[in-house]
PDB file of N, CA and C in Angstrom:
ATOM      1  N   MET A   1     -28.282  50.637  53.112  1.00  0.00           N
ATOM      2  CA  MET A   1     -29.155  50.886  54.232  1.00  0.00           C
ATOM      3  C   MET A   1     -29.241  49.622  55.075  1.00  0.00           C
ATOM      4  N   PRO A   2     -28.729  49.648  56.287  1.00  0.00           N
ATOM      5  CA  PRO A   2     -28.754  48.448  57.129  1.00  0.00           C
ATOM      6  C   PRO A   2     -30.154  48.186  57.690  1.00  0.00           C
ATOM      7  N   LEU A   3     -30.432  46.926  57.879  1.00  0.00           N
ATOM      8  CA  LEU A   3     -31.701  46.532  58.481  1.00  0.00           C
ATOM      9  C   LEU A   3     -31.645  46.719  59.984  1.00  0.00           C
ATOM     10  N   THR A   4     -32.727  47.196  60.527  1.00  0.00           N
ATOM     11  CA  THR A   4     -32.807  47.347  61.973  1.00  0.00           C
ATOM     12  C   THR A   4     -33.704  46.249  62.535  1.00  0.00           C
ATOM     13  N   VAL A   5     -33.701  46.125  63.828  1.00  0.00           N
ATOM     14  CA  VAL A   5     -34.550  45.140  64.491  1.00  0.00           C
ATOM     15  C   VAL A   5     -36.018  45.470  64.231  1.00  0.00           C
ATOM     16  N   ASP A   6     -36.342  46.741  64.170  1.00  0.00           N
ATOM     17  CA  ASP A   6     -37.723  47.149  63.902  1.00  0.00           C
ATOM     18  C   ASP A   6     -38.160  46.716  62.504  1.00  0.00           C
ATOM     19  N   ASP A   7     -37.275  46.827  61.522  1.00  0.00           N
ATOM     20  CA  ASP A   7     -37.597  46.387  60.164  1.00  0.00           C
ATOM     21  C   ASP A   7     -37.841  44.881  60.116  1.00  0.00           C
ATOM     22  N   ILE A   8     -37.010  44.143  60.814  1.00  0.00           N
ATOM     23  CA  ILE A   8     -37.159  42.683  60.847  1.00  0.00           C
ATOM     24  C   ILE A   8     -38.450  42.291  61.547  1.00  0.00           C
ATOM     25  N   SER A   9     -38.781  42.971  62.634  1.00  0.00           N
ATOM     26  CA  SER A   9     -40.019  42.641  63.350  1.00  0.00           C
ATOM     27  C   SER A   9     -41.241  42.974  62.506  1.00  0.00           C
ATOM     28  N   LYS A  10     -41.194  44.051  61.738  1.00  0.00           N
ATOM     29  CA  LYS A  10     -42.308  44.380  60.838  1.00  0.00           C
ATOM     30  C   LYS A  10     -42.443  43.334  59.733  1.00  0.00           C
ATOM     31  N   ALA A  11     -41.327  42.824  59.243  1.00  0.00           N
ATOM     32  CA  ALA A  11     -41.376  41.786  58.220  1.00  0.00           C
ATOM     33  C   ALA A  11     -41.961  40.489  58.768  1.00  0.00           C
ATOM     34  N   ILE A  12     -41.604  40.141  59.984  1.00  0.00           N
ATOM     35  CA  ILE A  12     -42.147  38.932  60.613  1.00  0.00           C
ATOM     36  C   ILE A  12     -43.644  39.074  60.832  1.00  0.00           C
ATOM     37  N   LEU A  13     -44.080  40.238  61.272  1.00  0.00           N
ATOM     38  CA  LEU A  13     -45.504  40.480  61.470  1.00  0.00           C
ATOM     39  C   LEU A  13     -46.256  40.397  60.144  1.00  0.00           C
ATOM     40  N   LEU A  14     -45.674  40.906  59.092  1.00  0.00           N
ATOM     41  CA  LEU A  14     -46.289  40.802  57.766  1.00  0.00           C
ATOM     42  C   LEU A  14     -46.401  39.342  57.327  1.00  0.00           C
ATOM     43  N   LEU A  15     -45.362  38.550  57.596  1.00  0.00           N
ATOM     44  CA  LEU A  15     -45.414  37.128  57.257  1.00  0.00           C
ATOM     45  C   LEU A  15     -46.495  36.405  58.056  1.00  0.00           C
ATOM     46  N   PHE A  16     -46.653  36.740  59.333  1.00  0.00           N
ATOM     47  CA  PHE A  16     -47.737  36.172  60.146  1.00  0.00           C
ATOM     48  C   PHE A  16     -49.086  36.453  59.498  1.00  0.00           C
ATOM     49  N   ARG A  17     -49.304  37.709  59.155  1.00  0.00           N
ATOM     50  CA  ARG A  17     -50.597  38.113  58.595  1.00  0.00           C
ATOM     51  C   ARG A  17     -50.863  37.449  57.257  1.00  0.00           C
ATOM     52  N   LEU A  18     -49.863  37.401  56.399  1.00  0.00           N
ATOM     53  CA  LEU A  18     -50.042  36.751  55.098  1.00  0.00           C
ATOM     54  C   LEU A  18     -50.296  35.254  55.249  1.00  0.00           C
ATOM     55  N   GLY A  19     -49.583  34.617  56.160  1.00  0.00           N
ATOM     56  CA  GLY A  19     -49.772  33.189  56.390  1.00  0.00           C
ATOM     57  C   GLY A  19     -51.152  32.870  56.923  1.00  0.00           C
ATOM     58  N   VAL A  20     -51.637  33.702  57.841  1.00  0.00           N
ATOM     59  CA  VAL A  20     -52.973  33.487  58.394  1.00  0.00           C
ATOM     60  C   VAL A  20     -54.029  33.675  57.312  1.00  0.00           C
ATOM     61  N   CYS A  21     -53.885  34.703  56.508  1.00  0.00           N
ATOM     62  CA  CYS A  21     -54.851  34.936  55.428  1.00  0.00           C
ATOM     63  C   CYS A  21     -54.849  33.778  54.432  1.00  0.00           C
ATOM     64  N   ALA A  22     -53.673  33.318  54.051  1.00  0.00           N
ATOM     65  CA  ALA A  22     -53.585  32.215  53.092  1.00  0.00           C
ATOM     66  C   ALA A  22     -54.198  30.939  53.667  1.00  0.00           C
ATOM     67  N   ARG A  23     -53.910  30.636  54.911  1.00  0.00           N
ATOM     68  CA  ARG A  23     -54.459  29.426  55.535  1.00  0.00           C
ATOM     69  C   ARG A  23     -55.976  29.520  55.681  1.00  0.00           C
ATOM     70  N   PHE A  24     -56.488  30.694  56.048  1.00  0.00           N
ATOM     71  CA  PHE A  24     -57.926  30.872  56.192  1.00  0.00           C
ATOM     72  C   PHE A  24     -58.633  30.713  54.846  1.00  0.00           C
ATOM     73  N   ILE A  25     -58.073  31.300  53.805  1.00  0.00           N
ATOM     74  CA  ILE A  25     -58.662  31.167  52.469  1.00  0.00           C
ATOM     75  C   ILE A  25     -58.637  29.714  52.021  1.00  0.00           C
ATOM     76  N   TYR A  26     -57.538  29.016  52.284  1.00  0.00           N
ATOM     77  CA  TYR A  26     -57.441  27.601  51.936  1.00  0.00           C
ATOM     78  C   TYR A  26     -58.519  26.795  52.655  1.00  0.00           C
ATOM     79  N   CYS A  27     -58.710  27.044  53.941  1.00  0.00           N
ATOM     80  CA  CYS A  27     -59.743  26.322  54.702  1.00  0.00           C
ATOM     81  C   CYS A  27     -61.131  26.615  54.159  1.00  0.00           C
ATOM     82  N   MET A  28     -61.401  27.860  53.792  1.00  0.00           N
ATOM     83  CA  MET A  28     -62.717  28.203  53.258  1.00  0.00           C
ATOM     84  C   MET A  28     -62.963  27.525  51.908  1.00  0.00           C
ATOM     85  N   ILE A  29     -61.935  27.431  51.105  1.00  0.00           N
ATOM     86  CA  ILE A  29     -62.074  26.740  49.819  1.00  0.00           C
ATOM     87  C   ILE A  29     -62.337  25.261  50.043  1.00  0.00           C
ATOM     88  N   ARG A  30     -61.617  24.660  50.975  1.00  0.00           N
ATOM     89  CA  ARG A  30     -61.809  23.236  51.261  1.00  0.00           C
ATOM     90  C   ARG A  30     -63.186  22.958  51.858  1.00  0.00           C
ATOM     91  N   ILE A  31     -63.722  23.882  52.649  1.00  0.00           N
ATOM     92  CA  ILE A  31     -65.062  23.706  53.207  1.00  0.00           C
ATOM     93  C   ILE A  31     -66.089  23.667  52.069  1.00  0.00           C
ATOM     94  N   GLY A  32     -65.921  24.540  51.099  1.00  0.00           N
ATOM     95  CA  GLY A  32     -66.856  24.570  49.972  1.00  0.00           C
ATOM     96  C   GLY A  32     -66.691  23.393  49.025  1.00  0.00           C
ATOM     97  N   ALA A  33     -65.496  22.826  48.992  1.00  0.00           N
ATOM     98  CA  ALA A  33     -65.225  21.756  48.030  1.00  0.00           C
ATOM     99  C   ALA A  33     -65.693  20.391  48.517  1.00  0.00           C
ATOM    100  N   THR A  34     -65.527  20.107  49.794  1.00  0.00           N
ATOM    101  CA  THR A  34     -65.879  18.777  50.300  1.00  0.00           C
ATOM    102  C   THR A  34     -66.848  18.892  51.464  1.00  0.00           C
ATOM    103  N   GLU A  35     -67.952  18.210  51.348  1.00  0.00           N
ATOM    104  CA  GLU A  35     -68.954  18.203  52.414  1.00  0.00           C
ATOM    105  C   GLU A  35     -68.512  17.315  53.578  1.00  0.00           C
ATOM    106  N   GLU A  36     -67.823  16.221  53.276  1.00  0.00           N
ATOM    107  CA  GLU A  36     -67.440  15.264  54.315  1.00  0.00           C
ATOM    108  C   GLU A  36     -66.443  15.853  55.304  1.00  0.00           C
ATOM    109  N   GLU A  37     -65.541  16.679  54.812  1.00  0.00           N
ATOM    110  CA  GLU A  37     -64.476  17.206  55.648  1.00  0.00           C
ATOM    111  C   GLU A  37     -64.740  18.635  56.112  1.00  0.00           C
ATOM    112  N   SER A  38     -65.952  19.131  55.917  1.00  0.00           N
ATOM    113  CA  SER A  38     -66.212  20.534  56.237  1.00  0.00           C
ATOM    114  C   SER A  38     -66.072  20.818  57.732  1.00  0.00           C
ATOM    115  N   GLY A  39     -66.469  19.888  58.591  1.00  0.00           N
ATOM    116  CA  GLY A  39     -66.323  20.093  60.036  1.00  0.00           C
ATOM    117  C   GLY A  39     -64.880  20.224  60.453  1.00  0.00           C
ATOM    118  N   GLN A  40     -64.037  19.408  59.837  1.00  0.00           N
ATOM    119  CA  GLN A  40     -62.607  19.442  60.152  1.00  0.00           C
ATOM    120  C   GLN A  40     -61.999  20.786  59.734  1.00  0.00           C
ATOM    121  N   TYR A  41     -62.366  21.263  58.555  1.00  0.00           N
ATOM    122  CA  TYR A  41     -61.794  22.520  58.083  1.00  0.00           C
ATOM    123  C   TYR A  41     -62.405  23.737  58.783  1.00  0.00           C
ATOM    124  N   LYS A  42     -63.634  23.629  59.265  1.00  0.00           N
ATOM    125  CA  LYS A  42     -64.204  24.709  60.074  1.00  0.00           C
ATOM    126  C   LYS A  42     -63.417  24.850  61.367  1.00  0.00           C
ATOM    127  N   LYS A  43     -63.055  23.719  61.961  1.00  0.00           N
ATOM    128  CA  LYS A  43     -62.257  23.749  63.186  1.00  0.00           C
ATOM    129  C   LYS A  43     -60.877  24.331  62.913  1.00  0.00           C
ATOM    130  N   ARG A  44     -60.287  23.966  61.792  1.00  0.00           N
ATOM    131  CA  ARG A  44     -58.974  24.512  61.443  1.00  0.00           C
ATOM    132  C   ARG A  44     -59.050  26.010  61.190  1.00  0.00           C
ATOM    133  N   ALA A  45     -60.117  26.466  60.552  1.00  0.00           N
ATOM    134  CA  ALA A  45     -60.279  27.906  60.308  1.00  0.00           C
ATOM    135  C   ALA A  45     -60.435  28.650  61.628  1.00  0.00           C
ATOM    136  N   LYS A  46     -61.184  28.067  62.564  1.00  0.00           N
ATOM    137  CA  LYS A  46     -61.343  28.687  63.881  1.00  0.00           C
ATOM    138  C   LYS A  46     -59.992  28.767  64.594  1.00  0.00           C
ATOM    139  N   ASN A  47     -59.200  27.700  64.492  1.00  0.00           N
ATOM    140  CA  ASN A  47     -57.879  27.698  65.120  1.00  0.00           C
ATOM    141  C   ASN A  47     -56.953  28.738  64.496  1.00  0.00           C
ATOM    142  N   VAL A  48     -57.076  28.955  63.193  1.00  0.00           N
ATOM    143  CA  VAL A  48     -56.268  29.973  62.526  1.00  0.00           C
ATOM    144  C   VAL A  48     -56.618  31.357  63.072  1.00  0.00           C
ATOM    145  N   ILE A  49     -57.905  31.614  63.243  1.00  0.00           N
ATOM    146  CA  ILE A  49     -58.335  32.907  63.772  1.00  0.00           C
ATOM    147  C   ILE A  49     -57.849  33.089  65.203  1.00  0.00           C
ATOM    148  N   LEU A  50     -57.948  32.040  66.020  1.00  0.00           N
ATOM    149  CA  LEU A  50     -57.450  32.125  67.397  1.00  0.00           C
ATOM    150  C   LEU A  50     -55.944  32.364  67.430  1.00  0.00           C
ATOM    151  N   PHE A  51     -55.198  31.699  66.542  1.00  0.00           N
ATOM    152  CA  PHE A  51     -53.758  31.917  66.463  1.00  0.00           C
ATOM    153  C   PHE A  51     -53.455  33.366  66.115  1.00  0.00           C
ATOM    154  N   TYR A  52     -54.195  33.914  65.156  1.00  0.00           N
ATOM    155  CA  TYR A  52     -53.957  35.294  64.741  1.00  0.00           C
ATOM    156  C   TYR A  52     -54.218  36.267  65.890  1.00  0.00           C
ATOM    157  N   ILE A  53     -55.313  36.047  66.610  1.00  0.00           N
ATOM    158  CA  ILE A  53     -55.632  36.925  67.734  1.00  0.00           C
ATOM    159  C   ILE A  53     -54.541  36.846  68.798  1.00  0.00           C
ATOM    160  N   MET A  54     -54.096  35.636  69.109  1.00  0.00           N
ATOM    161  CA  MET A  54     -53.040  35.480  70.109  1.00  0.00           C
ATOM    162  C   MET A  54     -51.733  36.109  69.648  1.00  0.00           C
ATOM    163  N   ALA A  55     -51.383  35.929  68.382  1.00  0.00           N
ATOM    164  CA  ALA A  55     -50.136  36.501  67.865  1.00  0.00           C
ATOM    165  C   ALA A  55     -50.175  38.022  67.914  1.00  0.00           C
ATOM    166  N   GLU A  56     -51.305  38.607  67.537  1.00  0.00           N
ATOM    167  CA  GLU A  56     -51.422  40.066  67.578  1.00  0.00           C
ATOM    168  C   GLU A  56     -51.354  40.578  69.014  1.00  0.00           C
ATOM    169  N   CYS A  57     -52.001  39.879  69.947  1.00  0.00           N
ATOM    170  CA  CYS A  57     -51.965  40.306  71.349  1.00  0.00           C
ATOM    171  C   CYS A  57     -50.545  40.253  71.900  1.00  0.00           C
ATOM    172  N   ILE A  58     -49.859  39.169  71.624  1.00  0.00           N
ATOM    173  CA  ILE A  58     -48.479  39.037  72.094  1.00  0.00           C
ATOM    174  C   ILE A  58     -47.612  40.132  71.487  1.00  0.00           C
ATOM    175  N   TRP A  59     -47.822  40.405  70.208  1.00  0.00           N
ATOM    176  CA  TRP A  59     -47.030  41.431  69.535  1.00  0.00           C
ATOM    177  C   TRP A  59     -47.293  42.804  70.142  1.00  0.00           C
ATOM    178  N   GLN A  60     -48.548  43.109  70.454  1.00  0.00           N
ATOM    179  CA  GLN A  60     -48.881  44.404  71.046  1.00  0.00           C
ATOM    180  C   GLN A  60     -48.323  44.525  72.466  1.00  0.00           C
ATOM    181  N   ILE A  61     -48.370  43.440  73.213  1.00  0.00           N
ATOM    182  CA  ILE A  61     -47.783  43.457  74.562  1.00  0.00           C
ATOM    183  C   ILE A  61     -46.290  43.715  74.476  1.00  0.00           C
ATOM    184  N   LYS A  62     -45.626  43.092  73.508  1.00  0.00           N
ATOM    185  CA  LYS A  62     -44.194  43.331  73.304  1.00  0.00           C
ATOM    186  C   LYS A  62     -43.925  44.797  72.984  1.00  0.00           C
ATOM    187  N   GLU A  63     -44.735  45.375  72.123  1.00  0.00           N
ATOM    188  CA  GLU A  63     -44.556  46.779  71.757  1.00  0.00           C
ATOM    189  C   GLU A  63     -44.780  47.700  72.953  1.00  0.00           C
ATOM    190  N   ILE A  64     -45.795  47.394  73.772  1.00  0.00           N
ATOM    191  CA  ILE A  64     -46.059  48.214  74.962  1.00  0.00           C
ATOM    192  C   ILE A  64     -44.894  48.130  75.934  1.00  0.00           C
ATOM    193  N   LEU A  65     -44.376  46.914  76.149  1.00  0.00           N
ATOM    194  CA  LEU A  65     -43.247  46.763  77.068  1.00  0.00           C
ATOM    195  C   LEU A  65     -41.997  47.478  76.575  1.00  0.00           C
ATOM    196  N   ILE A  66     -41.739  47.391  75.285  1.00  0.00           N
ATOM    197  CA  ILE A  66     -40.583  48.096  74.722  1.00  0.00           C
ATOM    198  C   ILE A  66     -40.762  49.595  74.856  1.00  0.00           C
ATOM    199  N   TRP A  67     -41.966  50.095  74.599  1.00  0.00           N
ATOM    200  CA  TRP A  67     -42.222  51.526  74.719  1.00  0.00           C
ATOM    201  C   TRP A  67     -42.101  51.976  76.182  1.00  0.00           C
ATOM    202  N   TYR A  68     -42.634  51.188  77.091  1.00  0.00           N
ATOM    203  CA  TYR A  68     -42.644  51.586  78.497  1.00  0.00           C
ATOM    204  C   TYR A  68     -41.244  51.529  79.115  1.00  0.00           C
ATOM    205  N   TYR A  69     -40.523  50.451  78.857  1.00  0.00           N
ATOM    206  CA  TYR A  69     -39.207  50.295  79.476  1.00  0.00           C
ATOM    207  C   TYR A  69     -38.077  50.794  78.593  1.00  0.00           C
ATOM    208  N   GLY A  70     -38.362  51.075  77.348  1.00  0.00           N
ATOM    209  CA  GLY A  70     -37.303  51.492  76.434  1.00  0.00           C
ATOM    210  C   GLY A  70     -37.128  52.925  76.416  1.00  0.00           C
TER     211      GLY A  70
END
């Protein structure tokens, strides 16, 4: 069974989601572990969430464009 572009794009999206979840969990653990660095890791967790939102928006725009022009 050959891989299609759609299969590869779904795999990349899954990797994005897993990476964001892992990074967010890591930041939350670090916030609970160290009081001194909690501000730094709160900022990193916020940036992870912003990255995820932007990645999902870009991905949805790509899907809409492919559907509309394809």
